[in-house]
Amino acid sequence: MNTRAWIVFLDESGVSLLPQVRRTYAPRGRTPLFRHRLNWKRASMAGAWGYHSTDPERGAQPCFHLKPGSYDTPGLIEVLEQMKVF
């Protein structure tokens, strides 16, 4: 039996600073215009919970990785390699 085995649940999510557009009140026939530059910043985060398979006393171990922009396949592979070291 391999005593170094971990069970890992990994998830990736992205956020942006794009403002929320909401309904406003205006006189009938005069729709309000919201002007805004569409060059917002984006960030991504990959998070994982790891459980050691033979030592339940350790509990869950959280691990996360932040990255400006978006993840792609090589970026997620890099996250997995860094988790291996963790």
PDB file of N, CA and C in Angstrom:
ATOM      1  N   MET A   1       0.839  -1.178   0.000  1.00  0.00           N
ATOM      2  CA  MET A   1       0.000   0.000   0.000  1.00  0.00           C
ATOM      3  C   MET A   1       0.888   1.247   0.000  1.00  0.00           C
ATOM      4  N   ASN A   2       0.553   2.207  -0.843  1.00  0.00           N
ATOM      5  CA  ASN A   2       1.301   3.454  -0.934  1.00  0.00           C
ATOM      6  C   ASN A   2       0.837   4.391   0.180  1.00  0.00           C
ATOM      7  N   THR A   3       1.724   4.729   1.094  1.00  0.00           N
ATOM      8  CA  THR A   3       1.339   5.585   2.220  1.00  0.00           C
ATOM      9  C   THR A   3       1.505   7.067   1.913  1.00  0.00           C
ATOM     10  N   ARG A   4       1.941   7.408   0.704  1.00  0.00           N
ATOM     11  CA  ARG A   4       2.109   8.813   0.332  1.00  0.00           C
ATOM     12  C   ARG A   4       0.970   9.314  -0.549  1.00  0.00           C
ATOM     13  N   ALA A   5      -0.083   8.552  -0.692  1.00  0.00           N
ATOM     14  CA  ALA A   5      -1.170   8.916  -1.601  1.00  0.00           C
ATOM     15  C   ALA A   5      -2.057  10.013  -1.009  1.00  0.00           C
ATOM     16  N   TRP A   6      -2.502  10.915  -1.876  1.00  0.00           N
ATOM     17  CA  TRP A   6      -3.415  11.995  -1.517  1.00  0.00           C
ATOM     18  C   TRP A   6      -4.622  11.947  -2.447  1.00  0.00           C
ATOM     19  N   ILE A   7      -5.765  12.333  -1.931  1.00  0.00           N
ATOM     20  CA  ILE A   7      -6.959  12.531  -2.743  1.00  0.00           C
ATOM     21  C   ILE A   7      -7.124  14.044  -2.848  1.00  0.00           C
ATOM     22  N   VAL A   8      -7.182  14.564  -4.085  1.00  0.00           N
ATOM     23  CA  VAL A   8      -7.197  16.015  -4.287  1.00  0.00           C
ATOM     24  C   VAL A   8      -8.406  16.404  -5.128  1.00  0.00           C
ATOM     25  N   PHE A   9      -9.117  17.428  -4.666  1.00  0.00           N
ATOM     26  CA  PHE A   9     -10.226  18.021  -5.405  1.00  0.00           C
ATOM     27  C   PHE A   9      -9.781  19.405  -5.849  1.00  0.00           C
ATOM     28  N   LEU A  10      -9.715  19.630  -7.154  1.00  0.00           N
ATOM     29  CA  LEU A  10      -9.198  20.875  -7.727  1.00  0.00           C
ATOM     30  C   LEU A  10     -10.304  21.593  -8.484  1.00  0.00           C
ATOM     31  N   ASP A  11     -10.351  22.920  -8.335  1.00  0.00           N
ATOM     32  CA  ASP A  11     -11.319  23.728  -9.066  1.00  0.00           C
ATOM     33  C   ASP A  11     -10.653  25.032  -9.459  1.00  0.00           C
ATOM     34  N   GLU A  12     -11.057  25.579 -10.597  1.00  0.00           N
ATOM     35  CA  GLU A  12     -10.494  26.831 -11.115  1.00  0.00           C
ATOM     36  C   GLU A  12     -11.645  27.791 -11.364  1.00  0.00           C
ATOM     37  N   SER A  13     -11.414  29.058 -11.033  1.00  0.00           N
ATOM     38  CA  SER A  13     -12.447  30.067 -11.219  1.00  0.00           C
ATOM     39  C   SER A  13     -11.797  31.376 -11.637  1.00  0.00           C
ATOM     40  N   GLY A  14     -12.560  32.209 -12.318  1.00  0.00           N
ATOM     41  CA  GLY A  14     -12.045  33.502 -12.755  1.00  0.00           C
ATOM     42  C   GLY A  14     -12.932  34.639 -12.279  1.00  0.00           C
ATOM     43  N   VAL A  15     -12.324  35.794 -12.104  1.00  0.00           N
ATOM     44  CA  VAL A  15     -13.060  36.993 -11.707  1.00  0.00           C
ATOM     45  C   VAL A  15     -12.612  38.149 -12.584  1.00  0.00           C
ATOM     46  N   SER A  16     -13.469  39.140 -12.725  1.00  0.00           N
ATOM     47  CA  SER A  16     -13.099  40.353 -13.450  1.00  0.00           C
ATOM     48  C   SER A  16     -13.685  41.545 -12.707  1.00  0.00           C
ATOM     49  N   LEU A  17     -13.158  42.716 -12.993  1.00  0.00           N
ATOM     50  CA  LEU A  17     -13.627  43.931 -12.348  1.00  0.00           C
ATOM     51  C   LEU A  17     -14.645  44.664 -13.207  1.00  0.00           C
ATOM     52  N   LEU A  18     -15.336  43.947 -14.052  1.00  0.00           N
ATOM     53  CA  LEU A  18     -16.375  44.526 -14.893  1.00  0.00           C
ATOM     54  C   LEU A  18     -17.518  45.013 -14.001  1.00  0.00           C
ATOM     55  N   PRO A  19     -17.907  46.270 -14.130  1.00  0.00           N
ATOM     56  CA  PRO A  19     -18.972  46.772 -13.245  1.00  0.00           C
ATOM     57  C   PRO A  19     -20.317  46.135 -13.568  1.00  0.00           C
ATOM     58  N   GLN A  20     -21.130  46.034 -12.543  1.00  0.00           N
ATOM     59  CA  GLN A  20     -22.470  45.504 -12.719  1.00  0.00           C
ATOM     60  C   GLN A  20     -23.368  46.599 -13.284  1.00  0.00           C
ATOM     61  N   VAL A  21     -24.168  46.266 -14.265  1.00  0.00           N
ATOM     62  CA  VAL A  21     -25.125  47.227 -14.828  1.00  0.00           C
ATOM     63  C   VAL A  21     -26.483  46.889 -14.241  1.00  0.00           C
ATOM     64  N   ARG A  22     -27.093  47.875 -13.653  1.00  0.00           N
ATOM     65  CA  ARG A  22     -28.387  47.684 -13.008  1.00  0.00           C
ATOM     66  C   ARG A  22     -29.441  48.560 -13.667  1.00  0.00           C
ATOM     67  N   ARG A  23     -30.668  48.223 -13.471  1.00  0.00           N
ATOM     68  CA  ARG A  23     -31.785  49.016 -13.981  1.00  0.00           C
ATOM     69  C   ARG A  23     -31.898  50.282 -13.138  1.00  0.00           C
ATOM     70  N   THR A  24     -32.127  51.402 -13.801  1.00  0.00           N
ATOM     71  CA  THR A  24     -32.317  52.666 -13.099  1.00  0.00           C
ATOM     72  C   THR A  24     -33.627  53.291 -13.555  1.00  0.00           C
ATOM     73  N   TYR A  25     -34.048  54.272 -12.819  1.00  0.00           N
ATOM     74  CA  TYR A  25     -35.264  54.987 -13.174  1.00  0.00           C
ATOM     75  C   TYR A  25     -34.896  56.225 -13.983  1.00  0.00           C
ATOM     76  N   ALA A  26     -35.642  56.488 -15.037  1.00  0.00           N
ATOM     77  CA  ALA A  26     -35.419  57.651 -15.890  1.00  0.00           C
ATOM     78  C   ALA A  26     -36.772  58.067 -16.459  1.00  0.00           C
ATOM     79  N   PRO A  27     -36.870  59.296 -16.919  1.00  0.00           N
ATOM     80  CA  PRO A  27     -38.126  59.711 -17.553  1.00  0.00           C
ATOM     81  C   PRO A  27     -38.438  58.816 -18.756  1.00  0.00           C
ATOM     82  N   ARG A  28     -39.716  58.592 -19.014  1.00  0.00           N
ATOM     83  CA  ARG A  28     -40.135  57.723 -20.102  1.00  0.00           C
ATOM     84  C   ARG A  28     -39.564  58.222 -21.427  1.00  0.00           C
ATOM     85  N   GLY A  29     -38.994  57.292 -22.190  1.00  0.00           N
ATOM     86  CA  GLY A  29     -38.432  57.608 -23.499  1.00  0.00           C
ATOM     87  C   GLY A  29     -37.004  58.125 -23.458  1.00  0.00           C
ATOM     88  N   ARG A  30     -36.419  58.264 -22.283  1.00  0.00           N
ATOM     89  CA  ARG A  30     -35.036  58.745 -22.173  1.00  0.00           C
ATOM     90  C   ARG A  30     -34.223  57.695 -21.421  1.00  0.00           C
ATOM     91  N   THR A  31     -33.753  56.705 -22.139  1.00  0.00           N
ATOM     92  CA  THR A  31     -32.975  55.627 -21.544  1.00  0.00           C
ATOM     93  C   THR A  31     -31.617  56.155 -21.087  1.00  0.00           C
ATOM     94  N   PRO A  32     -31.241  55.902 -19.836  1.00  0.00           N
ATOM     95  CA  PRO A  32     -29.927  56.369 -19.378  1.00  0.00           C
ATOM     96  C   PRO A  32     -28.812  55.562 -20.047  1.00  0.00           C
ATOM     97  N   LEU A  33     -27.708  56.215 -20.347  1.00  0.00           N
ATOM     98  CA  LEU A  33     -26.558  55.554 -20.951  1.00  0.00           C
ATOM     99  C   LEU A  33     -25.425  55.481 -19.935  1.00  0.00           C
ATOM    100  N   PHE A  34     -24.906  54.294 -19.763  1.00  0.00           N
ATOM    101  CA  PHE A  34     -23.759  54.095 -18.892  1.00  0.00           C
ATOM    102  C   PHE A  34     -22.539  53.914 -19.772  1.00  0.00           C
ATOM    103  N   ARG A  35     -21.596  54.792 -19.650  1.00  0.00           N
ATOM    104  CA  ARG A  35     -20.366  54.692 -20.451  1.00  0.00           C
ATOM    105  C   ARG A  35     -19.265  54.150 -19.573  1.00  0.00           C
ATOM    106  N   HIS A  36     -18.505  53.263 -20.195  1.00  0.00           N
ATOM    107  CA  HIS A  36     -17.461  52.635 -19.408  1.00  0.00           C
ATOM    108  C   HIS A  36     -16.453  52.003 -20.344  1.00  0.00           C
ATOM    109  N   ARG A  37     -15.199  52.100 -19.983  1.00  0.00           N
ATOM    110  CA  ARG A  37     -14.135  51.485 -20.789  1.00  0.00           C
ATOM    111  C   ARG A  37     -14.142  49.979 -20.544  1.00  0.00           C
ATOM    112  N   LEU A  38     -14.021  49.228 -21.590  1.00  0.00           N
ATOM    113  CA  LEU A  38     -14.076  47.770 -21.447  1.00  0.00           C
ATOM    114  C   LEU A  38     -12.683  47.149 -21.410  1.00  0.00           C
ATOM    115  N   ASN A  39     -11.775  47.782 -20.695  1.00  0.00           N
ATOM    116  CA  ASN A  39     -10.435  47.204 -20.552  1.00  0.00           C
ATOM    117  C   ASN A  39     -10.220  46.827 -19.082  1.00  0.00           C
ATOM    118  N   TRP A  40     -11.087  45.965 -18.585  1.00  0.00           N
ATOM    119  CA  TRP A  40     -11.022  45.559 -17.195  1.00  0.00           C
ATOM    120  C   TRP A  40      -9.934  44.504 -16.992  1.00  0.00           C
ATOM    121  N   LYS A  41      -9.520  44.387 -15.759  1.00  0.00           N
ATOM    122  CA  LYS A  41      -8.514  43.391 -15.378  1.00  0.00           C
ATOM    123  C   LYS A  41      -9.204  42.080 -15.040  1.00  0.00           C
ATOM    124  N   ARG A  42      -8.508  41.010 -15.321  1.00  0.00           N
ATOM    125  CA  ARG A  42      -9.016  39.675 -14.994  1.00  0.00           C
ATOM    126  C   ARG A  42      -8.010  38.956 -14.124  1.00  0.00           C
ATOM    127  N   ALA A  43      -8.521  38.076 -13.293  1.00  0.00           N
ATOM    128  CA  ALA A  43      -7.672  37.244 -12.448  1.00  0.00           C
ATOM    129  C   ALA A  43      -8.300  35.860 -12.374  1.00  0.00           C
ATOM    130  N   SER A  44      -7.468  34.877 -12.154  1.00  0.00           N
ATOM    131  CA  SER A  44      -7.945  33.507 -12.012  1.00  0.00           C
ATOM    132  C   SER A  44      -7.355  32.903 -10.749  1.00  0.00           C
ATOM    133  N   MET A  45      -8.082  31.963 -10.177  1.00  0.00           N
ATOM    134  CA  MET A  45      -7.618  31.280  -8.978  1.00  0.00           C
ATOM    135  C   MET A  45      -7.931  29.803  -9.103  1.00  0.00           C
ATOM    136  N   ALA A  46      -6.950  28.992  -8.788  1.00  0.00           N
ATOM    137  CA  ALA A  46      -7.154  27.545  -8.723  1.00  0.00           C
ATOM    138  C   ALA A  46      -6.990  27.147  -7.267  1.00  0.00           C
ATOM    139  N   GLY A  47      -7.963  26.441  -6.753  1.00  0.00           N
ATOM    140  CA  GLY A  47      -7.917  26.005  -5.360  1.00  0.00           C
ATOM    141  C   GLY A  47      -8.084  24.504  -5.278  1.00  0.00           C
ATOM    142  N   ALA A  48      -7.520  23.924  -4.235  1.00  0.00           N
ATOM    143  CA  ALA A  48      -7.598  22.474  -4.074  1.00  0.00           C
ATOM    144  C   ALA A  48      -7.706  22.131  -2.589  1.00  0.00           C
ATOM    145  N   TRP A  49      -8.414  21.056  -2.324  1.00  0.00           N
ATOM    146  CA  TRP A  49      -8.449  20.451  -0.997  1.00  0.00           C
ATOM    147  C   TRP A  49      -7.807  19.093  -1.119  1.00  0.00           C
ATOM    148  N   GLY A  50      -6.833  18.820  -0.281  1.00  0.00           N
ATOM    149  CA  GLY A  50      -6.149  17.538  -0.314  1.00  0.00           C
ATOM    150  C   GLY A  50      -6.394  16.758   0.966  1.00  0.00           C
ATOM    151  N   TYR A  51      -6.688  15.498   0.822  1.00  0.00           N
ATOM    152  CA  TYR A  51      -6.895  14.598   1.949  1.00  0.00           C
ATOM    153  C   TYR A  51      -5.858  13.489   1.870  1.00  0.00           C
ATOM    154  N   HIS A  52      -5.122  13.276   2.964  1.00  0.00           N
ATOM    155  CA  HIS A  52      -4.136  12.192   2.989  1.00  0.00           C
ATOM    156  C   HIS A  52      -4.881  10.881   3.168  1.00  0.00           C
ATOM    157  N   SER A  53      -4.561   9.908   2.332  1.00  0.00           N
ATOM    158  CA  SER A  53      -5.368   8.683   2.284  1.00  0.00           C
ATOM    159  C   SER A  53      -5.199   7.791   3.503  1.00  0.00           C
ATOM    160  N   THR A  54      -4.036   7.801   4.136  1.00  0.00           N
ATOM    161  CA  THR A  54      -3.829   6.879   5.255  1.00  0.00           C
ATOM    162  C   THR A  54      -3.753   7.567   6.603  1.00  0.00           C
ATOM    163  N   ASP A  55      -3.847   8.898   6.625  1.00  0.00           N
ATOM    164  CA  ASP A  55      -3.758   9.628   7.891  1.00  0.00           C
ATOM    165  C   ASP A  55      -4.919  10.612   8.012  1.00  0.00           C
ATOM    166  N   PRO A  56      -6.106  10.144   8.406  1.00  0.00           N
ATOM    167  CA  PRO A  56      -7.258  11.045   8.499  1.00  0.00           C
ATOM    168  C   PRO A  56      -7.103  12.101   9.596  1.00  0.00           C
ATOM    169  N   GLU A  57      -6.162  11.914  10.506  1.00  0.00           N
ATOM    170  CA  GLU A  57      -5.942  12.892  11.576  1.00  0.00           C
ATOM    171  C   GLU A  57      -5.406  14.219  11.028  1.00  0.00           C
ATOM    172  N   ARG A  58      -4.787  14.196   9.856  1.00  0.00           N
ATOM    173  CA  ARG A  58      -4.259  15.423   9.253  1.00  0.00           C
ATOM    174  C   ARG A  58      -5.370  16.377   8.845  1.00  0.00           C
ATOM    175  N   GLY A  59      -6.507  15.848   8.499  1.00  0.00           N
ATOM    176  CA  GLY A  59      -7.611  16.681   8.039  1.00  0.00           C
ATOM    177  C   GLY A  59      -7.361  17.179   6.618  1.00  0.00           C
ATOM    178  N   ALA A  60      -8.220  18.077   6.197  1.00  0.00           N
ATOM    179  CA  ALA A  60      -8.099  18.624   4.834  1.00  0.00           C
ATOM    180  C   ALA A  60      -6.999  19.677   4.799  1.00  0.00           C
ATOM    181  N   GLN A  61      -6.214  19.671   3.738  1.00  0.00           N
ATOM    182  CA  GLN A  61      -5.152  20.639   3.539  1.00  0.00           C
ATOM    183  C   GLN A  61      -5.519  21.519   2.348  1.00  0.00           C
ATOM    184  N   PRO A  62      -5.764  22.824   2.559  1.00  0.00           N
ATOM    185  CA  PRO A  62      -6.095  23.703   1.425  1.00  0.00           C
ATOM    186  C   PRO A  62      -4.838  24.186   0.715  1.00  0.00           C
ATOM    187  N   CYS A  63      -4.978  24.421  -0.563  1.00  0.00           N
ATOM    188  CA  CYS A  63      -3.885  24.944  -1.383  1.00  0.00           C
ATOM    189  C   CYS A  63      -4.529  25.776  -2.489  1.00  0.00           C
ATOM    190  N   PHE A  64      -3.932  26.935  -2.816  1.00  0.00           N
ATOM    191  CA  PHE A  64      -4.501  27.726  -3.896  1.00  0.00           C
ATOM    192  C   PHE A  64      -3.396  28.441  -4.660  1.00  0.00           C
ATOM    193  N   HIS A  65      -3.734  28.871  -5.863  1.00  0.00           N
ATOM    194  CA  HIS A  65      -2.797  29.533  -6.765  1.00  0.00           C
ATOM    195  C   HIS A  65      -3.531  30.675  -7.453  1.00  0.00           C
ATOM    196  N   LEU A  66      -2.946  31.870  -7.425  1.00  0.00           N
ATOM    197  CA  LEU A  66      -3.534  33.041  -8.085  1.00  0.00           C
ATOM    198  C   LEU A  66      -2.727  33.390  -9.313  1.00  0.00           C
ATOM    199  N   LYS A  67      -3.417  33.864 -10.355  1.00  0.00           N
ATOM    200  CA  LYS A  67      -2.744  34.223 -11.598  1.00  0.00           C
ATOM    201  C   LYS A  67      -3.483  35.370 -12.270  1.00  0.00           C
ATOM    202  N   PRO A  68      -2.755  36.426 -12.684  1.00  0.00           N
ATOM    203  CA  PRO A  68      -3.431  37.450 -13.482  1.00  0.00           C
ATOM    204  C   PRO A  68      -3.790  36.880 -14.856  1.00  0.00           C
ATOM    205  N   GLY A  69      -4.910  37.283 -15.395  1.00  0.00           N
ATOM    206  CA  GLY A  69      -5.339  36.749 -16.688  1.00  0.00           C
ATOM    207  C   GLY A  69      -6.105  35.454 -16.508  1.00  0.00           C
ATOM    208  N   SER A  70      -6.072  34.628 -17.538  1.00  0.00           N
ATOM    209  CA  SER A  70      -6.821  33.375 -17.536  1.00  0.00           C
ATOM    210  C   SER A  70      -5.884  32.181 -17.551  1.00  0.00           C
ATOM    211  N   TYR A  71      -6.382  31.063 -17.034  1.00  0.00           N
ATOM    212  CA  TYR A  71      -5.623  29.815 -17.092  1.00  0.00           C
ATOM    213  C   TYR A  71      -5.792  29.178 -18.465  1.00  0.00           C
ATOM    214  N   ASP A  72      -4.755  28.508 -18.894  1.00  0.00           N
ATOM    215  CA  ASP A  72      -4.823  27.652 -20.064  1.00  0.00           C
ATOM    216  C   ASP A  72      -4.260  26.295 -19.631  1.00  0.00           C
ATOM    217  N   THR A  73      -4.178  25.357 -20.534  1.00  0.00           N
ATOM    218  CA  THR A  73      -3.720  24.016 -20.167  1.00  0.00           C
ATOM    219  C   THR A  73      -2.315  24.026 -19.561  1.00  0.00           C
ATOM    220  N   PRO A  74      -1.314  24.688 -20.178  1.00  0.00           N
ATOM    221  CA  PRO A  74       0.007  24.711 -19.542  1.00  0.00           C
ATOM    222  C   PRO A  74      -0.017  25.399 -18.169  1.00  0.00           C
ATOM    223  N   GLY A  75      -0.866  26.400 -17.987  1.00  0.00           N
ATOM    224  CA  GLY A  75      -0.963  27.069 -16.697  1.00  0.00           C
ATOM    225  C   GLY A  75      -1.501  26.155 -15.610  1.00  0.00           C
ATOM    226  N   LEU A  76      -2.506  25.348 -15.940  1.00  0.00           N
ATOM    227  CA  LEU A  76      -3.050  24.411 -14.954  1.00  0.00           C
ATOM    228  C   LEU A  76      -2.078  23.269 -14.669  1.00  0.00           C
ATOM    229  N   ILE A  77      -1.313  22.868 -15.662  1.00  0.00           N
ATOM    230  CA  ILE A  77      -0.286  21.846 -15.427  1.00  0.00           C
ATOM    231  C   ILE A  77       0.767  22.381 -14.463  1.00  0.00           C
ATOM    232  N   GLU A  78       1.110  23.661 -14.610  1.00  0.00           N
ATOM    233  CA  GLU A  78       2.063  24.295 -13.686  1.00  0.00           C
ATOM    234  C   GLU A  78       1.512  24.296 -12.259  1.00  0.00           C
ATOM    235  N   VAL A  79       0.211  24.552 -12.110  1.00  0.00           N
ATOM    236  CA  VAL A  79      -0.415  24.524 -10.780  1.00  0.00           C
ATOM    237  C   VAL A  79      -0.288  23.128 -10.176  1.00  0.00           C
ATOM    238  N   LEU A  80      -0.561  22.095 -10.956  1.00  0.00           N
ATOM    239  CA  LEU A  80      -0.461  20.724 -10.451  1.00  0.00           C
ATOM    240  C   LEU A  80       0.967  20.382 -10.055  1.00  0.00           C
ATOM    241  N   GLU A  81       1.952  20.862 -10.810  1.00  0.00           N
ATOM    242  CA  GLU A  81       3.350  20.613 -10.452  1.00  0.00           C
ATOM    243  C   GLU A  81       3.706  21.307  -9.140  1.00  0.00           C
ATOM    244  N   GLN A  82       3.203  22.534  -8.943  1.00  0.00           N
ATOM    245  CA  GLN A  82       3.486  23.230  -7.693  1.00  0.00           C
ATOM    246  C   GLN A  82       2.781  22.556  -6.518  1.00  0.00           C
ATOM    247  N   MET A  83       1.583  22.008  -6.757  1.00  0.00           N
ATOM    248  CA  MET A  83       0.894  21.283  -5.691  1.00  0.00           C
ATOM    249  C   MET A  83       1.643  20.039  -5.296  1.00  0.00           C
ATOM    250  N   LYS A  84       2.307  19.411  -6.234  1.00  0.00           N
ATOM    251  CA  LYS A  84       3.079  18.207  -5.932  1.00  0.00           C
ATOM    252  C   LYS A  84       4.188  18.522  -4.926  1.00  0.00           C
ATOM    253  N   VAL A  85       4.805  19.691  -5.086  1.00  0.00           N
ATOM    254  CA  VAL A  85       5.862  20.113  -4.158  1.00  0.00           C
ATOM    255  C   VAL A  85       5.251  20.446  -2.807  1.00  0.00           C
ATOM    256  N   PHE A  86       4.065  21.059  -2.811  1.00  0.00           N
ATOM    257  CA  PHE A  86       3.399  21.438  -1.565  1.00  0.00           C
ATOM    258  C   PHE A  86       3.070  20.209  -0.745  1.00  0.00           C
TER     259      PHE A  86
END
